[in-house]
């Protein structure tokens, strides 16, 4: 079985959650969002923020925009999880964190379809 960088981060996120608590897991998810955003920017090959992907990019502009929207959803979901955790609503916080990770998994699938690991 081949492990991608994203898969490794997701595995670490799970380990952080069970071994190091919510804050470690949330931090790992936040880093994963940053990593996926940077990977998407590189795969797009654009030279200006918000600009179209280059003709020889690994993804097209429409795909980049879909990923961007989903990354924002993951970020918003993560923020909601952190707020719930601060309110000591642990079960809901864990659920929202799992939702953010699921969004990131879906993005990974999109990138993997295009050969981006």
N, C-alpha and C. Protein backbone atom coordinates (compact mmCIF):
# COMPACT_ATOMS: atom_id res chain seq x y z
N UNK A 1 0.85 -1.19 0.00
CA UNK A 1 0.00 0.00 0.00
C UNK A 1 0.89 1.24 0.00
N UNK A 2 0.55 2.17 -0.83
CA UNK A 2 1.32 3.40 -0.95
C UNK A 2 0.75 4.46 -0.03
N UNK A 3 1.59 5.08 0.78
CA UNK A 3 1.15 6.15 1.66
C UNK A 3 1.56 7.49 1.06
N UNK A 4 0.60 8.36 0.89
CA UNK A 4 0.90 9.70 0.41
C UNK A 4 1.22 10.59 1.59
N UNK A 5 1.75 11.75 1.30
CA UNK A 5 2.05 12.71 2.37
C UNK A 5 0.78 13.07 3.12
N UNK A 6 -0.33 13.22 2.39
CA UNK A 6 -1.59 13.56 3.04
C UNK A 6 -2.04 12.45 3.99
N UNK A 7 -1.93 11.21 3.52
CA UNK A 7 -2.33 10.08 4.36
C UNK A 7 -1.51 10.06 5.63
N UNK A 8 -0.22 10.31 5.51
CA UNK A 8 0.63 10.33 6.70
C UNK A 8 0.18 11.41 7.68
N UNK A 9 -0.16 12.56 7.15
CA UNK A 9 -0.62 13.65 8.02
C UNK A 9 -1.93 13.26 8.70
N UNK A 10 -2.84 12.62 7.96
CA UNK A 10 -4.11 12.20 8.56
C UNK A 10 -3.87 11.16 9.64
N UNK A 11 -2.95 10.24 9.39
CA UNK A 11 -2.63 9.24 10.41
C UNK A 11 -2.06 9.92 11.65
N UNK A 12 -1.19 10.87 11.44
CA UNK A 12 -0.62 11.61 12.57
C UNK A 12 -1.69 12.38 13.32
N UNK A 13 -2.66 12.91 12.57
CA UNK A 13 -3.75 13.63 13.21
C UNK A 13 -4.52 12.72 14.14
N UNK A 14 -4.82 11.52 13.69
CA UNK A 14 -5.52 10.56 14.53
C UNK A 14 -4.70 10.19 15.75
N UNK A 15 -3.41 9.97 15.57
CA UNK A 15 -2.54 9.66 16.70
C UNK A 15 -2.47 10.82 17.68
N UNK A 16 -2.41 12.03 17.14
CA UNK A 16 -2.35 13.21 18.00
C UNK A 16 -3.63 13.32 18.81
N UNK A 17 -4.75 13.00 18.17
CA UNK A 17 -6.02 13.12 18.88
C UNK A 17 -6.10 12.12 20.02
N UNK A 18 -5.76 10.88 19.72
CA UNK A 18 -5.90 9.85 20.74
C UNK A 18 -4.75 9.88 21.75
N UNK A 19 -3.58 10.31 21.32
CA UNK A 19 -2.44 10.29 22.22
C UNK A 19 -2.12 11.63 22.84
N UNK A 20 -2.53 12.70 22.22
CA UNK A 20 -2.13 14.00 22.72
C UNK A 20 -3.27 14.96 22.94
N UNK A 21 -4.48 14.54 22.76
CA UNK A 21 -5.61 15.39 23.04
C UNK A 21 -6.08 16.19 21.85
N UNK A 22 -7.16 16.88 22.10
CA UNK A 22 -7.83 17.65 21.06
C UNK A 22 -6.92 18.72 20.46
N UNK A 23 -6.21 19.44 21.29
CA UNK A 23 -5.39 20.55 20.79
C UNK A 23 -4.32 20.08 19.80
N UNK A 24 -3.69 18.96 20.09
CA UNK A 24 -2.69 18.42 19.15
C UNK A 24 -3.34 18.01 17.84
N UNK A 25 -4.50 17.35 17.94
CA UNK A 25 -5.20 16.92 16.73
C UNK A 25 -5.65 18.12 15.90
N UNK A 26 -6.18 19.15 16.57
CA UNK A 26 -6.61 20.35 15.86
C UNK A 26 -5.42 21.05 15.21
N UNK A 27 -4.29 21.07 15.90
CA UNK A 27 -3.08 21.67 15.33
C UNK A 27 -2.61 20.92 14.10
N UNK A 28 -2.69 19.61 14.14
CA UNK A 28 -2.29 18.80 12.99
C UNK A 28 -3.23 19.05 11.82
N UNK A 29 -4.52 19.17 12.10
CA UNK A 29 -5.48 19.46 11.04
C UNK A 29 -5.20 20.83 10.42
N UNK A 30 -4.89 21.81 11.26
CA UNK A 30 -4.56 23.15 10.75
C UNK A 30 -3.33 23.10 9.85
N UNK A 31 -2.31 22.35 10.26
CA UNK A 31 -1.10 22.23 9.44
C UNK A 31 -1.41 21.51 8.12
N UNK A 32 -2.31 20.54 8.18
CA UNK A 32 -2.70 19.82 6.96
C UNK A 32 -3.39 20.77 5.99
N UNK A 33 -4.24 21.65 6.50
CA UNK A 33 -4.90 22.63 5.64
C UNK A 33 -3.85 23.50 4.94
N UNK A 34 -2.86 23.95 5.70
CA UNK A 34 -1.79 24.77 5.11
C UNK A 34 -1.02 23.99 4.06
N UNK A 35 -0.71 22.73 4.36
CA UNK A 35 0.06 21.88 3.45
C UNK A 35 -0.71 21.65 2.14
N UNK A 36 -2.00 21.34 2.26
CA UNK A 36 -2.82 21.09 1.07
C UNK A 36 -2.95 22.37 0.25
N UNK A 37 -3.10 23.51 0.91
CA UNK A 37 -3.19 24.78 0.19
C UNK A 37 -1.91 25.05 -0.61
N UNK A 38 -0.78 24.82 0.02
CA UNK A 38 0.50 25.03 -0.68
C UNK A 38 0.68 24.02 -1.81
N UNK A 39 0.32 22.77 -1.58
CA UNK A 39 0.42 21.76 -2.63
C UNK A 39 -0.47 22.11 -3.82
N UNK A 40 -1.64 22.64 -3.53
CA UNK A 40 -2.57 23.04 -4.59
C UNK A 40 -2.00 24.21 -5.38
N UNK A 41 -1.41 25.16 -4.67
CA UNK A 41 -0.80 26.31 -5.36
C UNK A 41 0.31 25.84 -6.30
N UNK A 42 1.13 24.94 -5.83
CA UNK A 42 2.24 24.43 -6.65
C UNK A 42 1.70 23.64 -7.84
N UNK A 43 0.70 22.79 -7.60
CA UNK A 43 0.13 21.98 -8.69
C UNK A 43 -0.53 22.85 -9.74
N UNK A 44 -1.09 23.97 -9.31
CA UNK A 44 -1.74 24.90 -10.23
C UNK A 44 -0.70 25.60 -11.11
N UNK A 45 0.41 25.93 -10.52
CA UNK A 45 1.47 26.58 -11.29
C UNK A 45 1.22 28.03 -11.61
N UNK A 46 0.28 28.67 -10.91
CA UNK A 46 0.04 30.08 -11.20
C UNK A 46 1.10 30.94 -10.51
N UNK A 47 1.29 32.11 -11.06
CA UNK A 47 2.32 33.00 -10.52
C UNK A 47 1.73 34.17 -9.75
N UNK A 48 0.43 34.36 -9.83
CA UNK A 48 -0.20 35.45 -9.09
C UNK A 48 -1.32 34.90 -8.21
N UNK A 49 -1.36 35.36 -6.96
CA UNK A 49 -2.41 34.87 -6.06
C UNK A 49 -3.80 35.10 -6.66
N UNK A 50 -4.61 34.06 -6.66
CA UNK A 50 -5.96 34.16 -7.19
C UNK A 50 -6.03 34.09 -8.70
N UNK A 51 -4.89 34.01 -9.35
CA UNK A 51 -4.87 33.97 -10.81
C UNK A 51 -5.17 32.58 -11.34
N UNK A 52 -5.30 32.48 -12.65
CA UNK A 52 -5.60 31.19 -13.26
C UNK A 52 -4.38 30.26 -13.19
N UNK A 53 -4.65 28.97 -13.28
CA UNK A 53 -3.56 28.00 -13.30
C UNK A 53 -2.83 28.10 -14.63
N UNK A 54 -1.56 27.75 -14.61
CA UNK A 54 -0.79 27.79 -15.85
C UNK A 54 -1.23 26.65 -16.77
N UNK A 55 -0.99 26.82 -18.04
CA UNK A 55 -1.40 25.83 -19.03
C UNK A 55 -0.74 24.47 -18.79
N UNK A 56 0.46 24.48 -18.21
CA UNK A 56 1.13 23.21 -17.95
C UNK A 56 1.03 22.79 -16.48
N UNK A 57 0.08 23.36 -15.74
CA UNK A 57 -0.14 22.98 -14.35
C UNK A 57 -0.74 21.59 -14.26
N UNK A 58 -0.60 20.98 -13.11
CA UNK A 58 -1.15 19.64 -12.90
C UNK A 58 -2.66 19.66 -12.65
N UNK A 59 -3.19 20.82 -12.27
CA UNK A 59 -4.63 20.98 -12.12
C UNK A 59 -5.06 22.23 -12.88
N UNK A 60 -6.34 22.27 -13.23
CA UNK A 60 -6.84 23.45 -13.92
C UNK A 60 -7.45 24.43 -12.91
N UNK A 61 -7.82 25.58 -13.40
CA UNK A 61 -8.33 26.64 -12.53
C UNK A 61 -9.63 26.24 -11.85
N UNK A 62 -10.50 25.54 -12.54
CA UNK A 62 -11.77 25.11 -11.93
C UNK A 62 -11.52 24.17 -10.76
N UNK A 63 -10.58 23.26 -10.92
CA UNK A 63 -10.23 22.34 -9.84
C UNK A 63 -9.62 23.09 -8.68
N UNK A 64 -8.75 24.04 -8.98
CA UNK A 64 -8.15 24.86 -7.92
C UNK A 64 -9.22 25.58 -7.13
N UNK A 65 -10.20 26.14 -7.82
CA UNK A 65 -11.27 26.88 -7.14
C UNK A 65 -12.12 25.95 -6.27
N UNK A 66 -12.41 24.73 -6.76
CA UNK A 66 -13.16 23.75 -5.95
C UNK A 66 -12.38 23.40 -4.69
N UNK A 67 -11.08 23.19 -4.85
CA UNK A 67 -10.24 22.86 -3.69
C UNK A 67 -10.21 24.04 -2.72
N UNK A 68 -10.10 25.23 -3.25
CA UNK A 68 -10.07 26.44 -2.41
C UNK A 68 -11.33 26.56 -1.57
N UNK A 69 -12.49 26.33 -2.18
CA UNK A 69 -13.76 26.39 -1.46
C UNK A 69 -13.78 25.32 -0.36
N UNK A 70 -13.34 24.11 -0.69
CA UNK A 70 -13.35 23.03 0.29
C UNK A 70 -12.33 23.25 1.39
N UNK A 71 -11.20 23.85 1.08
CA UNK A 71 -10.24 24.20 2.13
C UNK A 71 -10.83 25.22 3.09
N UNK A 72 -11.59 26.17 2.56
CA UNK A 72 -12.25 27.15 3.42
C UNK A 72 -13.29 26.47 4.30
N UNK A 73 -14.02 25.50 3.74
CA UNK A 73 -14.98 24.73 4.54
C UNK A 73 -14.26 23.98 5.66
N UNK A 74 -13.13 23.36 5.33
CA UNK A 74 -12.36 22.64 6.35
C UNK A 74 -11.88 23.60 7.43
N UNK A 75 -11.41 24.78 7.03
CA UNK A 75 -10.94 25.78 7.99
C UNK A 75 -12.08 26.24 8.90
N UNK A 76 -13.24 26.51 8.32
CA UNK A 76 -14.40 26.95 9.10
C UNK A 76 -14.85 25.85 10.07
N UNK A 77 -14.84 24.62 9.60
CA UNK A 77 -15.24 23.49 10.44
C UNK A 77 -14.26 23.30 11.58
N UNK A 78 -12.98 23.43 11.29
CA UNK A 78 -11.96 23.34 12.32
C UNK A 78 -12.15 24.44 13.35
N UNK A 79 -12.40 25.66 12.90
CA UNK A 79 -12.61 26.78 13.83
C UNK A 79 -13.81 26.51 14.73
N UNK A 80 -14.87 25.97 14.15
CA UNK A 80 -16.05 25.63 14.95
C UNK A 80 -15.71 24.56 15.98
N UNK A 81 -14.90 23.58 15.59
CA UNK A 81 -14.48 22.53 16.53
C UNK A 81 -13.70 23.13 17.69
N UNK A 82 -12.82 24.06 17.41
CA UNK A 82 -12.03 24.69 18.47
C UNK A 82 -12.95 25.48 19.41
N UNK A 83 -13.91 26.20 18.85
CA UNK A 83 -14.85 26.95 19.69
C UNK A 83 -15.66 26.01 20.59
N UNK A 84 -16.12 24.89 20.02
CA UNK A 84 -16.87 23.91 20.82
C UNK A 84 -16.00 23.33 21.92
N UNK A 85 -14.75 23.08 21.61
CA UNK A 85 -13.82 22.55 22.61
C UNK A 85 -13.63 23.55 23.76
N UNK A 86 -13.53 24.82 23.42
CA UNK A 86 -13.37 25.85 24.44
C UNK A 86 -14.60 25.95 25.34
N UNK A 87 -15.76 25.55 24.81
CA UNK A 87 -17.00 25.55 25.58
C UNK A 87 -17.20 24.22 26.32
N UNK A 88 -16.17 23.36 26.29
CA UNK A 88 -16.22 22.04 26.93
C UNK A 88 -17.32 21.15 26.34
N UNK A 89 -17.60 21.32 25.09
CA UNK A 89 -18.56 20.47 24.38
C UNK A 89 -17.75 19.47 23.56
N UNK A 90 -17.09 18.58 24.28
CA UNK A 90 -16.07 17.71 23.70
C UNK A 90 -16.58 16.81 22.58
N UNK A 91 -17.72 16.18 22.77
CA UNK A 91 -18.22 15.25 21.75
C UNK A 91 -18.49 15.98 20.44
N UNK A 92 -19.10 17.16 20.52
CA UNK A 92 -19.36 17.94 19.31
C UNK A 92 -18.06 18.44 18.69
N UNK A 93 -17.12 18.83 19.53
CA UNK A 93 -15.82 19.30 19.03
C UNK A 93 -15.12 18.18 18.26
N UNK A 94 -15.13 16.98 18.82
CA UNK A 94 -14.50 15.84 18.15
C UNK A 94 -15.19 15.54 16.83
N UNK A 95 -16.52 15.65 16.81
CA UNK A 95 -17.27 15.41 15.58
C UNK A 95 -16.90 16.42 14.51
N UNK A 96 -16.82 17.69 14.87
CA UNK A 96 -16.47 18.73 13.90
C UNK A 96 -15.04 18.54 13.40
N UNK A 97 -14.15 18.15 14.29
CA UNK A 97 -12.77 17.90 13.87
C UNK A 97 -12.72 16.75 12.87
N UNK A 98 -13.50 15.71 13.12
CA UNK A 98 -13.57 14.58 12.18
C UNK A 98 -14.15 15.03 10.85
N UNK A 99 -15.11 15.96 10.87
CA UNK A 99 -15.67 16.49 9.63
C UNK A 99 -14.62 17.26 8.84
N UNK A 100 -13.82 18.06 9.53
CA UNK A 100 -12.75 18.80 8.85
C UNK A 100 -11.77 17.83 8.21
N UNK A 101 -11.42 16.77 8.93
CA UNK A 101 -10.50 15.77 8.38
C UNK A 101 -11.12 15.05 7.18
N UNK A 102 -12.44 14.82 7.21
CA UNK A 102 -13.11 14.18 6.08
C UNK A 102 -13.08 15.07 4.84
N UNK A 103 -13.25 16.36 5.04
CA UNK A 103 -13.16 17.31 3.92
C UNK A 103 -11.76 17.25 3.32
N UNK A 104 -10.75 17.20 4.17
CA UNK A 104 -9.38 17.12 3.68
C UNK A 104 -9.13 15.80 2.95
N UNK A 105 -9.72 14.72 3.41
CA UNK A 105 -9.60 13.43 2.72
C UNK A 105 -10.21 13.51 1.32
N UNK A 106 -11.33 14.20 1.20
CA UNK A 106 -11.97 14.36 -0.11
C UNK A 106 -11.07 15.17 -1.06
N UNK A 107 -10.43 16.18 -0.52
CA UNK A 107 -9.50 16.97 -1.34
C UNK A 107 -8.33 16.10 -1.77
N UNK A 108 -7.83 15.28 -0.86
CA UNK A 108 -6.74 14.37 -1.19
C UNK A 108 -7.13 13.48 -2.37
N UNK A 109 -8.35 13.00 -2.37
CA UNK A 109 -8.82 12.14 -3.47
C UNK A 109 -8.79 12.90 -4.80
N UNK A 110 -9.20 14.16 -4.78
CA UNK A 110 -9.16 14.98 -5.99
C UNK A 110 -7.73 15.12 -6.49
N UNK A 111 -6.81 15.41 -5.60
CA UNK A 111 -5.41 15.58 -5.98
C UNK A 111 -4.80 14.27 -6.45
N UNK A 112 -5.13 13.18 -5.77
CA UNK A 112 -4.58 11.87 -6.15
C UNK A 112 -5.06 11.46 -7.54
N UNK A 113 -6.30 11.81 -7.90
CA UNK A 113 -6.83 11.51 -9.24
C UNK A 113 -5.95 12.15 -10.31
N UNK A 114 -5.31 13.23 -9.97
CA UNK A 114 -4.47 13.95 -10.92
C UNK A 114 -2.98 13.63 -10.74
N UNK A 115 -2.70 12.61 -9.94
CA UNK A 115 -1.32 12.17 -9.79
C UNK A 115 -0.50 13.01 -8.82
N UNK A 116 -1.15 13.79 -7.99
CA UNK A 116 -0.45 14.65 -7.04
C UNK A 116 -0.43 13.94 -5.70
N UNK A 117 0.76 13.74 -5.17
CA UNK A 117 0.87 13.04 -3.89
C UNK A 117 1.46 13.94 -2.83
